[in-house]
Each structure stands twice: as C-alpha cells, then as structure tokens.
Protein backbone atom coordinates (compact mmCIF):
# COMPACT_ATOMS: atom_id res chain seq x y z
CA UNK A 1 11.43 -7.78 -1.20
CA UNK A 2 10.81 -4.26 -0.92
CA UNK A 3 6.92 -4.46 -0.08
CA UNK A 4 5.67 -1.94 2.85
CA UNK A 5 1.75 -1.72 5.01
CA UNK A 6 1.41 1.19 6.98
CA UNK A 7 -0.33 0.96 9.78
CA UNK A 8 -4.41 0.44 9.56
CA UNK A 9 -5.79 3.87 11.00
CA UNK A 10 -7.89 4.96 7.99
CA UNK A 11 -11.68 4.29 8.89
CA UNK A 12 -14.02 3.56 5.69
CA UNK A 13 -17.43 1.71 6.30
CA UNK A 14 -16.71 0.77 9.84
CA UNK A 15 -13.37 -1.23 9.16
CA UNK A 16 -9.85 0.14 9.23
CA UNK A 17 -7.72 -0.27 6.93
CA UNK A 18 -3.99 0.06 5.55
CA UNK A 19 -2.02 0.68 2.45
CA UNK A 20 0.16 -1.72 0.60
CA UNK A 21 3.17 -0.28 -1.34
CA UNK A 22 6.54 -1.36 -2.57
CA UNK A 23 9.52 -0.32 -4.41
CA UNK A 24 8.43 -1.25 -7.73
CA UNK A 25 5.15 -1.78 -9.11
CA UNK A 26 5.91 -5.67 -9.93
CA UNK A 27 6.41 -6.10 -6.30
CA UNK A 28 3.15 -4.38 -5.32
CA UNK A 29 1.12 -6.59 -7.48
CA UNK A 30 2.93 -9.93 -6.67
CA UNK A 31 2.10 -9.00 -3.42
CA UNK A 32 -1.04 -8.18 -3.88
CA UNK A 33 -1.79 -11.48 -6.11
CA UNK A 34 -1.14 -13.58 -3.10
CA UNK A 35 -2.61 -11.74 -0.64
CA UNK A 36 -5.73 -12.43 -3.18
CA UNK A 37 -6.43 -8.80 -3.48
CA UNK A 38 -8.13 -8.67 -7.70
CA UNK A 39 -5.36 -6.05 -10.09
CA UNK A 40 -9.01 -3.87 -10.12
CA UNK A 41 -8.31 -2.80 -6.66
CA UNK A 42 -5.04 -0.94 -7.30
CA UNK A 43 -5.32 2.67 -6.43
CA UNK A 44 -3.27 4.23 -9.25
CA UNK A 45 -3.34 7.52 -7.96
CA UNK A 46 -1.56 10.57 -8.28
CA UNK A 47 -1.39 10.45 -4.26
CA UNK A 48 0.91 7.36 -4.59
CA UNK A 49 0.19 3.83 -5.92
CA UNK A 50 -1.40 1.27 -3.66
CA UNK A 51 -3.97 -1.28 -2.87
CA UNK A 52 -6.06 -0.57 0.45
CA UNK A 53 -5.72 -3.77 3.20
CA UNK A 54 -8.14 -4.65 5.70
CA UNK A 55 -6.69 -5.06 9.32
CA UNK A 56 -6.85 -8.89 8.73
CA UNK A 57 -5.27 -8.50 4.88
CA UNK A 58 -2.48 -5.98 6.35
CA UNK A 59 -1.51 -9.28 9.27
CA UNK A 60 -1.56 -11.69 6.28
CA UNK A 61 0.99 -9.38 4.08
CA UNK A 62 3.03 -8.93 7.36
CA UNK A 63 3.37 -12.48 7.59
CA UNK A 64 3.98 -13.07 4.00
CA UNK A 65 7.49 -10.14 4.03
CA UNK A 66 5.70 -7.41 4.37
CA UNK A 67 7.95 -4.46 5.72
CA UNK A 68 5.47 -2.44 8.85
CA UNK A 69 6.10 0.78 8.85
CA UNK A 70 4.09 3.24 10.75
CA UNK A 71 3.29 6.99 10.35
CA UNK A 72 3.73 8.05 13.76
CA UNK A 73 7.28 6.16 14.22
CA UNK A 74 8.80 6.21 11.00
CA UNK A 75 8.46 9.42 9.42
CA UNK A 76 10.85 9.98 7.11
CA UNK A 77 10.81 6.42 6.01
CA UNK A 78 7.23 6.97 5.18
CA UNK A 79 8.03 9.68 3.67
CA UNK A 80 10.19 8.00 1.43
CA UNK A 81 8.08 5.39 0.75
CA UNK A 82 5.00 7.56 -0.38
CA UNK A 83 7.59 9.90 -2.72
CA UNK A 84 8.00 6.47 -4.32
CA UNK A 85 4.16 5.17 -4.67
CA UNK A 86 3.96 9.08 -6.04
CA UNK A 87 6.37 8.74 -8.59
CA UNK A 88 4.70 5.07 -9.68
CA UNK A 89 1.15 6.77 -10.63
CA UNK A 90 1.02 6.39 -14.43
CA UNK A 91 -1.00 9.80 -15.05
CA UNK A 92 -3.55 8.66 -16.46
CA UNK A 93 -6.22 8.96 -14.19
CA UNK A 94 -7.12 12.56 -13.09
CA UNK A 95 -9.91 11.65 -10.99
CA UNK A 96 -8.40 11.94 -7.27
C-alpha cells in the first residue's frame, strides 16, 4: 500500500495534526475508511488531496501500514508525495 502520513506538527484547536496522503485516491479513501474517518473529511484542495489526522489516528495509520514521512528528514520524498497529492485535486473546489 502506498499511503503516507507526515509528522503531526500542525497545531489547530489545541491539538497536533498530520496529513494522510497516498499514491492514488482509492488507496487514500480506503485507509481513511479503515481509520473510521468519514469521507466528508476529505480535503480536496489545490495544495494536495489529503485527510487531516490527529496524532492518535496517525499512530493507528502507521500500525495499519502507512509509511511515516518527515518534512525534516525526507524532504525530497515529501515533495514528491505532495506533488502527487496536488495532481489528485479535482479542480472543483476553489476556496483554498
């Protein structure tokens, strides 16, 4: 499975959040479903198709086989994954 989760560094509402991304949208949605994340939480954004995960869900995703990526250590890999996530944007949303 080619599903990735970055470091949980984004602070929002007093919690740290990570981004769940994948090589394909099918893989992305399948992992989100396994984590119990509703489809309405899907972020179809120009900046990259992803789901936001709490630190706890990030750990669960890793246990289910997601690959940990670090914006600090794996910069080239992270850039490639973000480029791929951006290419998956539907173009339907313009509010980001």
